[in-house]
């Protein structure tokens, strides 16, 4: 669900839910990228194939359903990659600012993101 209103800059849906943490999967994530006011951007990644509900150019409202958690792209487990940035994506490269790290539950386990490359399971 959208955290903030904005305009969809990119909506990708079509990659299988067979992701792996291997380089060949880096550009194979189903995702939604939204431009918000004040040149802020958000990305919702690793979405399930066939679940993306929006299209490029569409106005998005707060709490609007964007898609469902999947296993597409560079990942070993189903989760939502949610990122906020003050810079736009260029040719599939995002000049990243520090991102919000989150906690989530999956199959009765809690995962807490401690850094961009490490997570823990409780």
N, C-alpha and C. Protein backbone atom coordinates (compact mmCIF):
# COMPACT_ATOMS: atom_id res chain seq x y z
N UNK A 1 0.83 -1.17 0.00
CA UNK A 1 0.00 0.00 0.00
C UNK A 1 0.88 1.24 0.00
N UNK A 2 0.48 2.26 -0.74
CA UNK A 2 1.29 3.46 -0.89
C UNK A 2 1.40 4.23 0.42
N UNK A 3 2.63 4.62 0.75
CA UNK A 3 2.88 5.39 1.96
C UNK A 3 2.53 6.86 1.77
N UNK A 4 2.56 7.34 0.52
CA UNK A 4 2.36 8.75 0.23
C UNK A 4 1.84 8.88 -1.19
N UNK A 5 1.08 9.93 -1.47
CA UNK A 5 0.57 10.09 -2.83
C UNK A 5 1.69 10.55 -3.76
N UNK A 6 1.48 10.29 -5.05
CA UNK A 6 2.46 10.67 -6.06
C UNK A 6 2.07 10.12 -7.42
N UNK A 7 3.01 10.17 -8.36
CA UNK A 7 2.80 9.70 -9.72
C UNK A 7 3.72 8.51 -9.97
N UNK A 8 3.19 7.44 -10.54
CA UNK A 8 3.99 6.26 -10.85
C UNK A 8 4.97 6.60 -11.97
N UNK A 9 6.26 6.43 -11.69
CA UNK A 9 7.29 6.63 -12.70
C UNK A 9 7.61 5.33 -13.42
N UNK A 10 7.46 4.22 -12.71
CA UNK A 10 7.75 2.92 -13.31
C UNK A 10 6.94 1.85 -12.60
N UNK A 11 6.38 0.93 -13.38
CA UNK A 11 5.67 -0.23 -12.84
C UNK A 11 6.10 -1.43 -13.66
N UNK A 12 6.76 -2.37 -13.01
CA UNK A 12 7.25 -3.58 -13.69
C UNK A 12 6.55 -4.77 -13.09
N UNK A 13 5.97 -5.61 -13.94
CA UNK A 13 5.26 -6.81 -13.50
C UNK A 13 5.44 -7.85 -14.60
N UNK A 14 6.03 -8.97 -14.28
CA UNK A 14 6.22 -9.99 -15.30
C UNK A 14 7.34 -10.96 -14.99
N UNK A 15 8.18 -10.61 -14.02
CA UNK A 15 9.25 -11.53 -13.64
C UNK A 15 8.69 -12.59 -12.70
N UNK A 16 9.17 -13.82 -12.87
CA UNK A 16 8.71 -14.93 -12.05
C UNK A 16 9.13 -14.75 -10.59
N UNK A 17 8.42 -15.42 -9.69
CA UNK A 17 8.74 -15.40 -8.26
C UNK A 17 9.76 -16.49 -7.94
N UNK A 18 10.90 -16.39 -8.60
CA UNK A 18 11.97 -17.38 -8.43
C UNK A 18 13.29 -16.69 -8.16
N UNK A 19 13.24 -15.56 -7.46
CA UNK A 19 14.44 -14.78 -7.21
C UNK A 19 15.49 -15.52 -6.41
N UNK A 20 16.69 -15.04 -6.54
CA UNK A 20 17.83 -15.56 -5.77
C UNK A 20 18.79 -14.40 -5.54
N UNK A 21 19.61 -14.51 -4.50
CA UNK A 21 20.61 -13.50 -4.23
C UNK A 21 21.83 -13.77 -5.11
N UNK A 22 21.61 -13.67 -6.41
CA UNK A 22 22.66 -13.88 -7.41
C UNK A 22 22.57 -12.75 -8.42
N UNK A 23 23.71 -12.35 -8.97
CA UNK A 23 23.78 -11.19 -9.87
C UNK A 23 22.81 -11.26 -11.04
N UNK A 24 22.53 -12.44 -11.56
CA UNK A 24 21.63 -12.54 -12.70
C UNK A 24 20.21 -12.08 -12.39
N UNK A 25 19.88 -11.93 -11.10
CA UNK A 25 18.54 -11.51 -10.69
C UNK A 25 18.46 -10.02 -10.31
N UNK A 26 19.57 -9.29 -10.44
CA UNK A 26 19.60 -7.88 -10.04
C UNK A 26 18.55 -7.03 -10.75
N UNK A 27 18.32 -7.26 -12.01
CA UNK A 27 17.38 -6.46 -12.79
C UNK A 27 16.07 -7.20 -13.06
N UNK A 28 15.71 -8.16 -12.20
CA UNK A 28 14.52 -8.99 -12.44
C UNK A 28 13.51 -8.89 -11.30
N UNK A 29 13.32 -7.68 -10.79
CA UNK A 29 12.36 -7.48 -9.70
C UNK A 29 11.11 -6.78 -10.23
N UNK A 30 9.96 -7.32 -9.89
CA UNK A 30 8.70 -6.61 -10.14
C UNK A 30 8.63 -5.49 -9.12
N UNK A 31 8.31 -4.27 -9.57
CA UNK A 31 8.37 -3.14 -8.66
C UNK A 31 7.48 -2.00 -9.10
N UNK A 32 7.29 -1.07 -8.17
CA UNK A 32 6.59 0.19 -8.44
C UNK A 32 7.48 1.30 -7.90
N UNK A 33 7.74 2.32 -8.74
CA UNK A 33 8.49 3.50 -8.33
C UNK A 33 7.59 4.71 -8.47
N UNK A 34 7.53 5.53 -7.42
CA UNK A 34 6.62 6.66 -7.36
C UNK A 34 7.40 7.94 -7.09
N UNK A 35 7.06 9.02 -7.82
CA UNK A 35 7.63 10.33 -7.55
C UNK A 35 6.62 11.09 -6.70
N UNK A 36 7.12 11.66 -5.59
CA UNK A 36 6.30 12.42 -4.66
C UNK A 36 6.65 13.90 -4.75
N UNK A 37 5.95 14.72 -4.01
CA UNK A 37 6.25 16.15 -3.96
C UNK A 37 7.68 16.35 -3.46
N UNK A 38 8.22 17.53 -3.76
CA UNK A 38 9.57 17.90 -3.30
C UNK A 38 10.65 16.96 -3.81
N UNK A 39 10.42 16.36 -4.99
CA UNK A 39 11.41 15.46 -5.61
C UNK A 39 11.84 14.32 -4.70
N UNK A 40 10.92 13.75 -3.98
CA UNK A 40 11.17 12.54 -3.22
C UNK A 40 10.63 11.36 -4.01
N UNK A 41 11.26 10.20 -3.86
CA UNK A 41 10.89 9.01 -4.61
C UNK A 41 10.78 7.83 -3.66
N UNK A 42 9.87 6.91 -3.98
CA UNK A 42 9.78 5.66 -3.21
C UNK A 42 9.74 4.49 -4.18
N UNK A 43 10.25 3.37 -3.69
CA UNK A 43 10.25 2.14 -4.48
C UNK A 43 9.70 1.01 -3.63
N UNK A 44 8.84 0.20 -4.23
CA UNK A 44 8.28 -0.99 -3.61
C UNK A 44 8.73 -2.15 -4.50
N UNK A 45 9.64 -2.98 -4.00
CA UNK A 45 10.24 -4.01 -4.83
C UNK A 45 9.99 -5.43 -4.36
N UNK A 46 10.35 -6.38 -5.20
CA UNK A 46 10.20 -7.82 -4.99
C UNK A 46 8.72 -8.22 -5.00
N UNK A 47 7.91 -7.53 -5.80
CA UNK A 47 6.48 -7.83 -5.84
C UNK A 47 6.20 -9.13 -6.59
N UNK A 48 5.08 -9.75 -6.26
CA UNK A 48 4.68 -11.02 -6.88
C UNK A 48 4.24 -10.80 -8.32
N UNK A 49 4.64 -11.71 -9.20
CA UNK A 49 4.25 -11.63 -10.60
C UNK A 49 2.73 -11.60 -10.72
N UNK A 50 2.23 -10.67 -11.52
CA UNK A 50 0.80 -10.55 -11.76
C UNK A 50 0.04 -9.75 -10.72
N UNK A 51 0.75 -9.21 -9.72
CA UNK A 51 0.05 -8.52 -8.63
C UNK A 51 0.10 -6.99 -8.72
N UNK A 52 0.93 -6.43 -9.60
CA UNK A 52 1.07 -4.97 -9.67
C UNK A 52 -0.25 -4.37 -10.19
N UNK A 53 -0.82 -3.44 -9.42
CA UNK A 53 -2.15 -2.90 -9.69
C UNK A 53 -2.14 -1.51 -10.32
N UNK A 54 -0.95 -0.95 -10.59
CA UNK A 54 -0.86 0.42 -11.09
C UNK A 54 -0.05 0.46 -12.38
N UNK A 55 -0.08 1.61 -13.07
CA UNK A 55 0.64 1.76 -14.33
C UNK A 55 1.38 3.10 -14.37
N UNK A 56 2.35 3.19 -15.23
CA UNK A 56 3.15 4.40 -15.36
C UNK A 56 2.24 5.60 -15.64
N UNK A 57 2.52 6.71 -14.94
CA UNK A 57 1.74 7.93 -15.12
C UNK A 57 0.51 8.05 -14.25
N UNK A 58 0.16 6.99 -13.56
CA UNK A 58 -1.05 6.98 -12.72
C UNK A 58 -0.83 7.76 -11.44
N UNK A 59 -1.85 8.54 -11.03
CA UNK A 59 -1.83 9.24 -9.75
C UNK A 59 -2.16 8.23 -8.65
N UNK A 60 -1.33 8.20 -7.63
CA UNK A 60 -1.49 7.26 -6.53
C UNK A 60 -1.90 8.04 -5.28
N UNK A 61 -2.85 7.50 -4.55
CA UNK A 61 -3.30 8.09 -3.29
C UNK A 61 -2.68 7.34 -2.12
N UNK A 62 -2.59 8.00 -0.97
CA UNK A 62 -2.10 7.34 0.23
C UNK A 62 -2.94 6.09 0.50
N UNK A 63 -2.28 5.01 0.84
CA UNK A 63 -2.89 3.72 1.19
C UNK A 63 -3.49 2.98 0.00
N UNK A 64 -3.19 3.40 -1.22
CA UNK A 64 -3.68 2.69 -2.40
C UNK A 64 -2.92 1.38 -2.58
N UNK A 65 -3.63 0.32 -2.93
CA UNK A 65 -3.02 -1.00 -3.13
C UNK A 65 -2.14 -0.97 -4.38
N UNK A 66 -0.85 -1.29 -4.22
CA UNK A 66 0.10 -1.27 -5.33
C UNK A 66 0.40 -2.66 -5.87
N UNK A 67 0.47 -3.65 -5.00
CA UNK A 67 0.82 -5.01 -5.40
C UNK A 67 0.98 -5.87 -4.16
N UNK A 68 1.48 -7.10 -4.36
CA UNK A 68 1.62 -8.04 -3.25
C UNK A 68 3.07 -8.49 -3.11
N UNK A 69 3.45 -8.83 -1.89
CA UNK A 69 4.80 -9.29 -1.61
C UNK A 69 5.10 -10.54 -2.42
N UNK A 70 6.31 -10.56 -2.98
CA UNK A 70 6.71 -11.70 -3.78
C UNK A 70 8.16 -12.07 -3.55
N UNK A 71 8.71 -12.81 -4.52
CA UNK A 71 10.07 -13.32 -4.45
C UNK A 71 10.79 -13.03 -5.77
N UNK A 72 10.49 -11.89 -6.37
CA UNK A 72 11.14 -11.55 -7.64
C UNK A 72 12.42 -10.77 -7.40
N UNK A 73 13.39 -10.97 -8.26
CA UNK A 73 14.63 -10.20 -8.19
C UNK A 73 15.68 -10.79 -7.28
N UNK A 74 16.60 -9.93 -6.85
CA UNK A 74 17.76 -10.31 -6.05
C UNK A 74 17.34 -10.47 -4.59
N UNK A 75 16.89 -11.66 -4.22
CA UNK A 75 16.43 -11.94 -2.86
C UNK A 75 16.37 -13.44 -2.63
N UNK A 76 16.49 -13.82 -1.36
CA UNK A 76 16.38 -15.23 -0.99
C UNK A 76 15.08 -15.57 -0.28
N UNK A 77 14.27 -14.56 0.04
CA UNK A 77 13.03 -14.82 0.77
C UNK A 77 12.00 -13.75 0.39
N UNK A 78 10.72 -14.09 0.45
CA UNK A 78 9.67 -13.12 0.12
C UNK A 78 9.67 -11.97 1.12
N UNK A 79 9.67 -10.76 0.61
CA UNK A 79 9.57 -9.57 1.45
C UNK A 79 9.30 -8.36 0.57
N UNK A 80 8.95 -7.27 1.19
CA UNK A 80 8.78 -6.01 0.47
C UNK A 80 10.02 -5.17 0.68
N UNK A 81 10.64 -4.76 -0.41
CA UNK A 81 11.75 -3.81 -0.35
C UNK A 81 11.12 -2.44 -0.49
N UNK A 82 11.14 -1.67 0.58
CA UNK A 82 10.58 -0.32 0.56
C UNK A 82 11.72 0.66 0.76
N UNK A 83 11.87 1.57 -0.17
CA UNK A 83 12.97 2.52 -0.13
C UNK A 83 12.47 3.92 -0.44
N UNK A 84 13.02 4.90 0.27
CA UNK A 84 12.70 6.30 0.03
C UNK A 84 14.01 7.02 -0.28
N UNK A 85 13.98 7.89 -1.29
CA UNK A 85 15.18 8.59 -1.71
C UNK A 85 14.84 10.01 -2.14
N UNK A 86 15.84 10.87 -2.13
CA UNK A 86 15.66 12.22 -2.65
C UNK A 86 16.26 12.36 -4.04
N UNK A 87 16.65 11.25 -4.63
CA UNK A 87 17.21 11.26 -5.99
C UNK A 87 16.45 10.28 -6.86
N UNK A 88 16.41 10.54 -8.14
CA UNK A 88 15.66 9.67 -9.04
C UNK A 88 16.53 8.56 -9.60
N UNK A 89 15.88 7.56 -10.15
CA UNK A 89 16.56 6.43 -10.76
C UNK A 89 16.96 6.83 -12.17
N UNK A 90 18.14 6.44 -12.60
CA UNK A 90 18.61 6.73 -13.95
C UNK A 90 19.20 5.45 -14.53
N UNK A 91 18.62 4.98 -15.62
CA UNK A 91 19.09 3.76 -16.28
C UNK A 91 19.27 2.62 -15.28
N UNK A 92 18.25 2.40 -14.46
CA UNK A 92 18.23 1.34 -13.46
C UNK A 92 19.27 1.50 -12.36
N UNK A 93 19.86 2.67 -12.24
CA UNK A 93 20.79 2.94 -11.15
C UNK A 93 20.19 4.02 -10.28
N UNK A 94 20.12 3.78 -9.00
CA UNK A 94 19.59 4.77 -8.07
C UNK A 94 20.75 5.33 -7.28
N UNK A 95 20.90 6.64 -7.30
CA UNK A 95 21.89 7.28 -6.44
C UNK A 95 21.25 7.34 -5.07
N UNK A 96 21.66 6.48 -4.18
CA UNK A 96 20.95 6.24 -2.93
C UNK A 96 21.36 7.17 -1.81
N UNK A 97 20.35 7.63 -1.10
CA UNK A 97 20.53 8.28 0.18
C UNK A 97 20.28 7.19 1.22
N UNK A 98 20.61 7.45 2.48
CA UNK A 98 20.30 6.44 3.50
C UNK A 98 18.81 6.10 3.45
N UNK A 99 18.50 4.84 3.64
CA UNK A 99 17.12 4.38 3.53
C UNK A 99 16.56 3.99 4.89
N UNK A 100 15.26 3.92 4.95
CA UNK A 100 14.56 3.49 6.14
C UNK A 100 14.68 1.97 6.25
N UNK A 101 15.16 1.49 7.37
CA UNK A 101 15.25 0.06 7.61
C UNK A 101 14.04 -0.36 8.42
N UNK A 102 13.53 -1.54 8.16
CA UNK A 102 12.24 -1.92 8.74
C UNK A 102 12.28 -3.26 9.45
N UNK A 103 11.20 -3.52 10.16
CA UNK A 103 10.96 -4.81 10.79
C UNK A 103 9.70 -5.39 10.16
N UNK A 104 9.70 -6.71 9.91
CA UNK A 104 8.52 -7.33 9.33
C UNK A 104 8.38 -8.75 9.85
N UNK A 105 7.15 -9.29 9.69
CA UNK A 105 6.88 -10.66 10.10
C UNK A 105 6.57 -11.50 8.87
N UNK A 106 7.10 -12.73 8.88
CA UNK A 106 6.85 -13.68 7.80
C UNK A 106 6.79 -15.07 8.41
N UNK A 107 5.67 -15.74 8.22
CA UNK A 107 5.46 -17.09 8.77
C UNK A 107 5.79 -17.16 10.26
N UNK A 108 5.20 -16.27 11.01
CA UNK A 108 5.32 -16.21 12.46
C UNK A 108 6.74 -15.96 12.96
N UNK A 109 7.60 -15.41 12.12
CA UNK A 109 8.95 -15.02 12.53
C UNK A 109 9.10 -13.53 12.29
N UNK A 110 9.84 -12.85 13.15
CA UNK A 110 10.09 -11.43 13.01
C UNK A 110 11.50 -11.22 12.48
N UNK A 111 11.63 -10.43 11.42
CA UNK A 111 12.92 -10.09 10.83
C UNK A 111 13.14 -8.60 11.04
N UNK A 112 14.30 -8.24 11.55
CA UNK A 112 14.64 -6.84 11.77
C UNK A 112 15.87 -6.50 10.93
N UNK A 113 15.73 -5.52 10.07
CA UNK A 113 16.84 -5.11 9.23
C UNK A 113 17.78 -4.25 10.07
N UNK A 114 19.02 -4.70 10.26
CA UNK A 114 20.00 -4.00 11.08
C UNK A 114 20.89 -3.09 10.23
N UNK A 115 21.12 -3.46 8.98
CA UNK A 115 21.90 -2.66 8.04
C UNK A 115 21.46 -3.08 6.65
N UNK A 116 21.87 -2.37 5.60
CA UNK A 116 21.42 -2.75 4.26
C UNK A 116 21.81 -4.16 3.85
N UNK A 117 22.81 -4.79 4.50
CA UNK A 117 23.27 -6.11 4.10
C UNK A 117 23.09 -7.19 5.14
N UNK A 118 22.49 -6.87 6.29
CA UNK A 118 22.34 -7.87 7.35
C UNK A 118 20.93 -7.82 7.91
N UNK A 119 20.42 -8.99 8.27
CA UNK A 119 19.15 -9.03 8.95
C UNK A 119 19.24 -10.10 10.03
N UNK A 120 18.34 -10.02 10.99
CA UNK A 120 18.30 -11.00 12.06
C UNK A 120 16.91 -11.60 12.12
N UNK A 121 16.83 -12.80 12.65
CA UNK A 121 15.55 -13.46 12.82
C UNK A 121 15.35 -13.68 14.30
N UNK A 122 14.16 -13.32 14.79
CA UNK A 122 13.86 -13.51 16.22
C UNK A 122 12.91 -14.66 16.38
